[in-house]
Amino acid sequence: MTTSILIMAHAPLASALRECVGHVFADRMDTVAALDVQASDDAQTVLQLARDLRQTLGALPVLVLTD
């Protein structure tokens, strides 16, 4: 069983961490999503974006990492 990863962090950390994953697991990038959050972002908007990204990862279990 494969577990997907959703990285939620202050911008640009989430995208940078996803890129690091790509260097090691280039063939698994479809199971890793990143959500860069700005300090000024509305919490409800971020939550909806996270839910939307989670759906793009499919039915696999998802590990959510935050800073």
C-alpha atoms as a PDB file:
ATOM      1  CA  MET A   1       0.000   0.000   0.000  1.00  0.00           C
ATOM      2  CA  THR A   2       1.236   3.451  -0.890  1.00  0.00           C
ATOM      3  CA  THR A   3       0.697   6.528   1.263  1.00  0.00           C
ATOM      4  CA  SER A   4       0.415   9.946  -0.330  1.00  0.00           C
ATOM      5  CA  ILE A   5       1.871  13.062   1.288  1.00  0.00           C
ATOM      6  CA  LEU A   6       0.347  16.528   1.541  1.00  0.00           C
ATOM      7  CA  ILE A   7       2.838  19.165   2.687  1.00  0.00           C
ATOM      8  CA  MET A   8       1.259  22.334   4.106  1.00  0.00           C
ATOM      9  CA  ALA A   9       3.738  25.000   5.131  1.00  0.00           C
ATOM     10  CA  HIS A  10       4.493  28.677   4.979  1.00  0.00           C
ATOM     11  CA  ALA A  11       5.475  29.799   1.496  1.00  0.00           C
ATOM     12  CA  PRO A  12       7.740  28.759  -0.118  1.00  0.00           C
ATOM     13  CA  LEU A  13       8.684  25.889   2.216  1.00  0.00           C
ATOM     14  CA  ALA A  14       6.005  23.416   1.069  1.00  0.00           C
ATOM     15  CA  SER A  15       6.985  23.648  -2.592  1.00  0.00           C
ATOM     16  CA  ALA A  16      10.679  23.501  -1.728  1.00  0.00           C
ATOM     17  CA  LEU A  17      10.182  20.327   0.307  1.00  0.00           C
ATOM     18  CA  ARG A  18       8.183  18.776  -2.519  1.00  0.00           C
ATOM     19  CA  GLU A  19      11.054  19.525  -4.891  1.00  0.00           C
ATOM     20  CA  CYS A  20      13.442  17.782  -2.483  1.00  0.00           C
ATOM     21  CA  VAL A  21      11.208  14.712  -2.566  1.00  0.00           C
ATOM     22  CA  GLY A  22      11.425  14.826  -6.355  1.00  0.00           C
ATOM     23  CA  HIS A  23      15.196  14.492  -6.263  1.00  0.00           C
ATOM     24  CA  VAL A  24      14.960  11.225  -4.351  1.00  0.00           C
ATOM     25  CA  PHE A  25      11.629   9.778  -5.505  1.00  0.00           C
ATOM     26  CA  ALA A  26      11.095  11.260  -8.958  1.00  0.00           C
ATOM     27  CA  ASP A  27       8.823   8.401  -9.979  1.00  0.00           C
ATOM     28  CA  ARG A  28       6.472   9.023  -7.006  1.00  0.00           C
ATOM     29  CA  MET A  29       5.836  12.759  -7.431  1.00  0.00           C
ATOM     30  CA  ASP A  30       2.203  12.061  -8.312  1.00  0.00           C
ATOM     31  CA  THR A  31       1.678  11.032  -4.680  1.00  0.00           C
ATOM     32  CA  VAL A  32       3.089  14.254  -3.174  1.00  0.00           C
ATOM     33  CA  ALA A  33       1.254  17.588  -3.088  1.00  0.00           C
ATOM     34  CA  ALA A  34       2.311  20.930  -1.641  1.00  0.00           C
ATOM     35  CA  LEU A  35       0.290  23.840  -0.350  1.00  0.00           C
ATOM     36  CA  ASP A  36       2.232  27.047   0.258  1.00  0.00           C
ATOM     37  CA  VAL A  37       0.431  29.219   2.804  1.00  0.00           C
ATOM     38  CA  GLN A  38       0.920  32.964   3.061  1.00  0.00           C
ATOM     39  CA  ALA A  39       0.654  34.597   6.489  1.00  0.00           C
ATOM     40  CA  SER A  40      -2.217  36.710   5.176  1.00  0.00           C
ATOM     41  CA  ASP A  41      -4.237  33.755   3.814  1.00  0.00           C
ATOM     42  CA  ASP A  42      -7.717  33.172   5.208  1.00  0.00           C
ATOM     43  CA  ALA A  43      -7.827  29.964   7.276  1.00  0.00           C
ATOM     44  CA  GLN A  44     -11.082  28.732   5.722  1.00  0.00           C
ATOM     45  CA  THR A  45      -9.714  29.270   2.223  1.00  0.00           C
ATOM     46  CA  VAL A  46      -6.553  27.336   3.088  1.00  0.00           C
ATOM     47  CA  LEU A  47      -8.625  24.526   4.564  1.00  0.00           C
ATOM     48  CA  GLN A  48     -10.669  24.251   1.364  1.00  0.00           C
ATOM     49  CA  LEU A  49      -7.523  24.292  -0.758  1.00  0.00           C
ATOM     50  CA  ALA A  50      -6.075  21.497   1.390  1.00  0.00           C
ATOM     51  CA  ARG A  51      -9.252  19.443   0.974  1.00  0.00           C
ATOM     52  CA  ASP A  52      -9.149  19.975  -2.787  1.00  0.00           C
ATOM     53  CA  LEU A  53      -5.491  18.931  -2.971  1.00  0.00           C
ATOM     54  CA  ARG A  54      -6.213  15.888  -0.849  1.00  0.00           C
ATOM     55  CA  GLN A  55      -8.813  14.799  -3.409  1.00  0.00           C
ATOM     56  CA  THR A  56      -6.251  15.015  -6.216  1.00  0.00           C
ATOM     57  CA  LEU A  57      -4.178  12.399  -4.399  1.00  0.00           C
ATOM     58  CA  GLY A  58      -6.898   9.780  -4.832  1.00  0.00           C
ATOM     59  CA  ALA A  59      -8.173   7.188  -2.394  1.00  0.00           C
ATOM     60  CA  LEU A  60      -4.795   6.382  -0.866  1.00  0.00           C
ATOM     61  CA  PRO A  61      -4.089   7.174   2.785  1.00  0.00           C
ATOM     62  CA  VAL A  62      -2.619  10.679   3.080  1.00  0.00           C
ATOM     63  CA  LEU A  63       0.035  11.825   5.535  1.00  0.00           C
ATOM     64  CA  VAL A  64      -0.316  15.560   6.183  1.00  0.00           C
ATOM     65  CA  LEU A  65       2.875  17.387   7.178  1.00  0.00           C
ATOM     66  CA  THR A  66       2.753  20.954   8.462  1.00  0.00           C
ATOM     67  CA  ASP A  67       5.165  23.491   9.855  1.00  0.00           C
END
